[in-house]
C-alpha cells in the first residue's frame, strides 16, 4: 500500500511539472525609453501639442478681451443688446471648449496622433517579444510598466534587456 501511495505521489508531481508554465516579465515603458525612435515620436507629439496650445491660447486671449469689453460697457447697454452680447460670448466660449476637447480630449487629435506614431514602435516591440517567447518557450509574458496587475515581479524574471538586444538597441 505504501509503495502505491509513493508511486501515486511521484506520478502526481511528474504530471504537475509537465503542465508548469514558463513565463517572463518585461517593462515596455523602459524599452520604449531606450528606443531612439520613441524620442522622435515624443518630440513630434510635443511639437504638435505646442502648436495647438498656442492656437487655443490665442482664442482664449481674444475671448478674455471680449469679456473685459462687455464688463466695461454693460452698464450702457440695453437689455436686448446685453442678451445678444452674452449669447455671443457664450457661443464663443463653447466653440473654444469644443476645440480644446477636439485637440486634447480623450481620443482627441493629440491622442490619435500619438497612437498613429507609436503603432510602428509597438509593433516592433511586440514582434521582438514574440520572437523571444518562442525562442525561450515562454507561455506567458507580462508587462509590468503599467503596474496595475502585477504587484511584485522578481527582477530575475525581467526580460526587458533581452528585448532591447532583440531590437538591436544594446
Protein backbone atom coordinates (compact mmCIF):
# COMPACT_ATOMS: atom_id res chain seq x y z
CA UNK A 1 0.00 0.00 0.00
CA UNK A 2 2.84 2.35 0.89
CA UNK A 3 4.50 1.72 -2.49
CA UNK A 4 1.27 2.54 -4.34
CA UNK A 5 0.94 5.80 -2.39
CA UNK A 6 4.54 6.82 -3.11
CA UNK A 7 4.16 5.86 -6.76
CA UNK A 8 0.91 7.87 -6.97
CA UNK A 9 2.56 10.93 -5.40
CA UNK A 10 5.53 10.67 -7.77
CA UNK A 11 3.15 10.43 -10.73
CA UNK A 12 1.19 13.46 -9.45
CA UNK A 13 4.36 15.59 -9.17
CA UNK A 14 5.55 14.48 -12.60
CA UNK A 15 2.22 15.49 -14.16
CA UNK A 16 2.24 18.83 -12.36
CA UNK A 17 5.73 19.52 -13.68
CA UNK A 18 4.62 18.69 -17.20
CA UNK A 19 1.85 21.33 -17.02
CA UNK A 20 4.02 24.06 -15.46
CA UNK A 21 4.04 27.26 -17.45
CA UNK A 22 7.15 29.22 -18.24
CA UNK A 23 6.73 32.99 -18.04
CA UNK A 24 8.67 36.23 -18.23
CA UNK A 25 8.16 39.86 -17.29
CA UNK A 26 9.03 42.91 -19.41
CA UNK A 27 8.77 46.67 -18.92
CA UNK A 28 7.59 48.27 -22.16
CA UNK A 29 7.98 51.79 -20.77
CA UNK A 30 11.67 51.07 -20.11
CA UNK A 31 12.05 49.50 -23.56
CA UNK A 32 10.41 52.46 -25.34
CA UNK A 33 12.56 54.95 -23.44
CA UNK A 34 15.67 53.19 -24.78
CA UNK A 35 14.44 53.43 -28.39
CA UNK A 36 15.70 56.47 -30.35
CA UNK A 37 12.53 56.40 -32.48
CA UNK A 38 10.43 56.83 -29.32
CA UNK A 39 12.21 60.09 -28.51
CA UNK A 40 11.50 61.29 -32.06
CA UNK A 41 7.82 60.39 -31.68
CA UNK A 42 7.64 62.24 -28.35
CA UNK A 43 9.20 65.33 -29.94
CA UNK A 44 6.72 65.26 -32.82
CA UNK A 45 3.77 64.89 -30.46
CA UNK A 46 5.06 67.65 -28.18
CA UNK A 47 5.61 69.99 -31.15
CA UNK A 48 2.08 69.40 -32.43
CA UNK A 49 0.65 69.91 -28.93
CA UNK A 50 2.52 73.21 -28.64
CA UNK A 51 1.07 74.45 -31.96
CA UNK A 52 -2.46 73.54 -30.90
CA UNK A 53 -1.97 75.02 -27.42
CA UNK A 54 -0.76 78.29 -28.96
CA UNK A 55 -3.90 78.39 -31.12
CA UNK A 56 -6.13 77.80 -28.09
CA UNK A 57 -4.26 80.39 -26.01
CA UNK A 58 -4.79 83.00 -28.76
CA UNK A 59 -8.52 82.24 -28.88
CA UNK A 60 -8.68 82.39 -25.06
CA UNK A 61 -6.97 85.80 -25.06
CA UNK A 62 -9.48 87.02 -27.65
CA UNK A 63 -12.36 85.71 -25.53
CA UNK A 64 -10.94 87.34 -22.38
CA UNK A 65 -10.76 90.68 -24.22
CA UNK A 66 -14.40 90.33 -25.31
CA UNK A 67 -15.44 89.59 -21.70
CA UNK A 68 -13.50 92.63 -20.44
CA UNK A 69 -15.07 94.84 -23.12
CA UNK A 70 -18.52 93.53 -22.19
CA UNK A 71 -17.91 94.17 -18.48
CA UNK A 72 -16.79 97.72 -19.22
CA UNK A 73 -19.73 98.53 -21.49
CA UNK A 74 -22.62 96.58 -19.99
CA UNK A 75 -23.84 99.50 -17.87
CA UNK A 76 -24.57 101.49 -21.00
CA UNK A 77 -26.26 98.63 -22.92
CA UNK A 78 -29.94 97.93 -23.37
CA UNK A 79 -31.28 94.57 -22.13
CA UNK A 80 -31.61 93.30 -25.71
CA UNK A 81 -28.02 94.25 -26.53
CA UNK A 82 -26.78 92.66 -23.25
CA UNK A 83 -28.61 89.45 -24.10
CA UNK A 84 -27.17 89.46 -27.62
CA UNK A 85 -23.59 90.04 -26.33
CA UNK A 86 -23.98 87.36 -23.63
CA UNK A 87 -25.18 84.84 -26.23
CA UNK A 88 -22.25 85.77 -28.46
CA UNK A 89 -19.80 85.30 -25.57
CA UNK A 90 -21.41 82.02 -24.59
CA UNK A 91 -21.15 80.70 -28.18
CA UNK A 92 -17.50 81.77 -28.49
CA UNK A 93 -16.67 80.12 -25.16
CA UNK A 94 -18.45 76.91 -26.22
CA UNK A 95 -16.54 76.93 -29.52
CA UNK A 96 -13.26 77.29 -27.62
CA UNK A 97 -14.09 74.42 -25.22
CA UNK A 98 -15.11 72.25 -28.17
CA UNK A 99 -11.78 72.99 -29.85
CA UNK A 100 -9.89 72.08 -26.66
CA UNK A 101 -11.80 68.83 -26.42
CA UNK A 102 -11.23 68.08 -30.12
CA UNK A 103 -7.47 68.65 -29.82
CA UNK A 104 -6.65 67.42 -26.30
CA UNK A 105 -9.69 65.48 -25.10
CA UNK A 106 -9.99 61.76 -24.57
CA UNK A 107 -9.44 60.22 -28.00
CA UNK A 108 -8.88 63.71 -29.42
CA UNK A 109 -6.47 64.59 -32.21
CA UNK A 110 -3.40 64.51 -29.94
CA UNK A 111 -4.32 61.04 -28.67
CA UNK A 112 -4.83 59.81 -32.24
CA UNK A 113 -1.57 61.39 -33.42
CA UNK A 114 0.38 59.71 -30.59
CA UNK A 115 -1.31 56.39 -31.32
CA UNK A 116 -0.57 56.68 -35.06
CA UNK A 117 3.11 57.48 -34.46
CA UNK A 118 3.53 54.81 -31.75
CA UNK A 119 1.94 51.98 -33.72
CA UNK A 120 5.12 51.01 -35.66
CA UNK A 121 7.17 51.05 -32.44
CA UNK A 122 4.60 48.96 -30.60
CA UNK A 123 4.59 46.51 -33.48
CA UNK A 124 8.42 46.23 -33.37
CA UNK A 125 8.37 45.53 -29.63
CA UNK A 126 5.53 43.02 -29.98
CA UNK A 127 7.41 41.16 -32.71
CA UNK A 128 10.57 41.08 -30.58
CA UNK A 129 8.57 39.79 -27.60
CA UNK A 130 7.02 37.08 -29.79
CA UNK A 131 10.44 36.00 -31.11
CA UNK A 132 11.87 35.89 -27.57
CA UNK A 133 8.86 33.99 -26.23
CA UNK A 134 9.06 31.38 -28.98
CA UNK A 135 12.85 31.04 -28.72
CA UNK A 136 12.72 30.53 -24.95
CA UNK A 137 9.44 28.61 -24.73
CA UNK A 138 7.56 31.21 -22.67
CA UNK A 139 3.86 30.53 -22.29
CA UNK A 140 3.11 33.97 -20.81
CA UNK A 141 4.85 37.35 -20.96
CA UNK A 142 3.65 40.03 -18.54
CA UNK A 143 4.19 43.77 -18.92
CA UNK A 144 4.94 45.48 -15.62
CA UNK A 145 5.11 49.03 -16.99
CA UNK A 146 1.58 49.99 -16.00
CA UNK A 147 1.83 48.20 -12.67
CA UNK A 148 -1.92 47.66 -12.44
CA UNK A 149 -1.99 43.89 -12.44
CA UNK A 150 1.49 42.92 -11.29
CA UNK A 151 2.09 43.64 -7.63
CA UNK A 152 5.52 42.03 -7.46
CA UNK A 153 7.87 40.52 -10.02
CA UNK A 154 11.23 39.01 -9.23
CA UNK A 155 13.85 41.08 -11.11
CA UNK A 156 15.47 37.90 -12.45
CA UNK A 157 12.27 37.29 -14.47
CA UNK A 158 12.58 40.67 -16.23
CA UNK A 159 13.49 40.13 -19.88
CA UNK A 160 13.40 43.80 -20.97
CA UNK A 161 17.15 43.79 -21.69
CA UNK A 162 16.67 40.69 -23.87
CA UNK A 163 14.01 42.56 -25.85
CA UNK A 164 16.40 45.51 -26.32
CA UNK A 165 19.06 43.10 -27.61
CA UNK A 166 16.45 41.54 -29.91
CA UNK A 167 15.71 45.05 -31.23
CA UNK A 168 19.48 45.57 -31.55
CA UNK A 169 19.39 48.54 -29.20
CA UNK A 170 22.02 47.05 -26.86
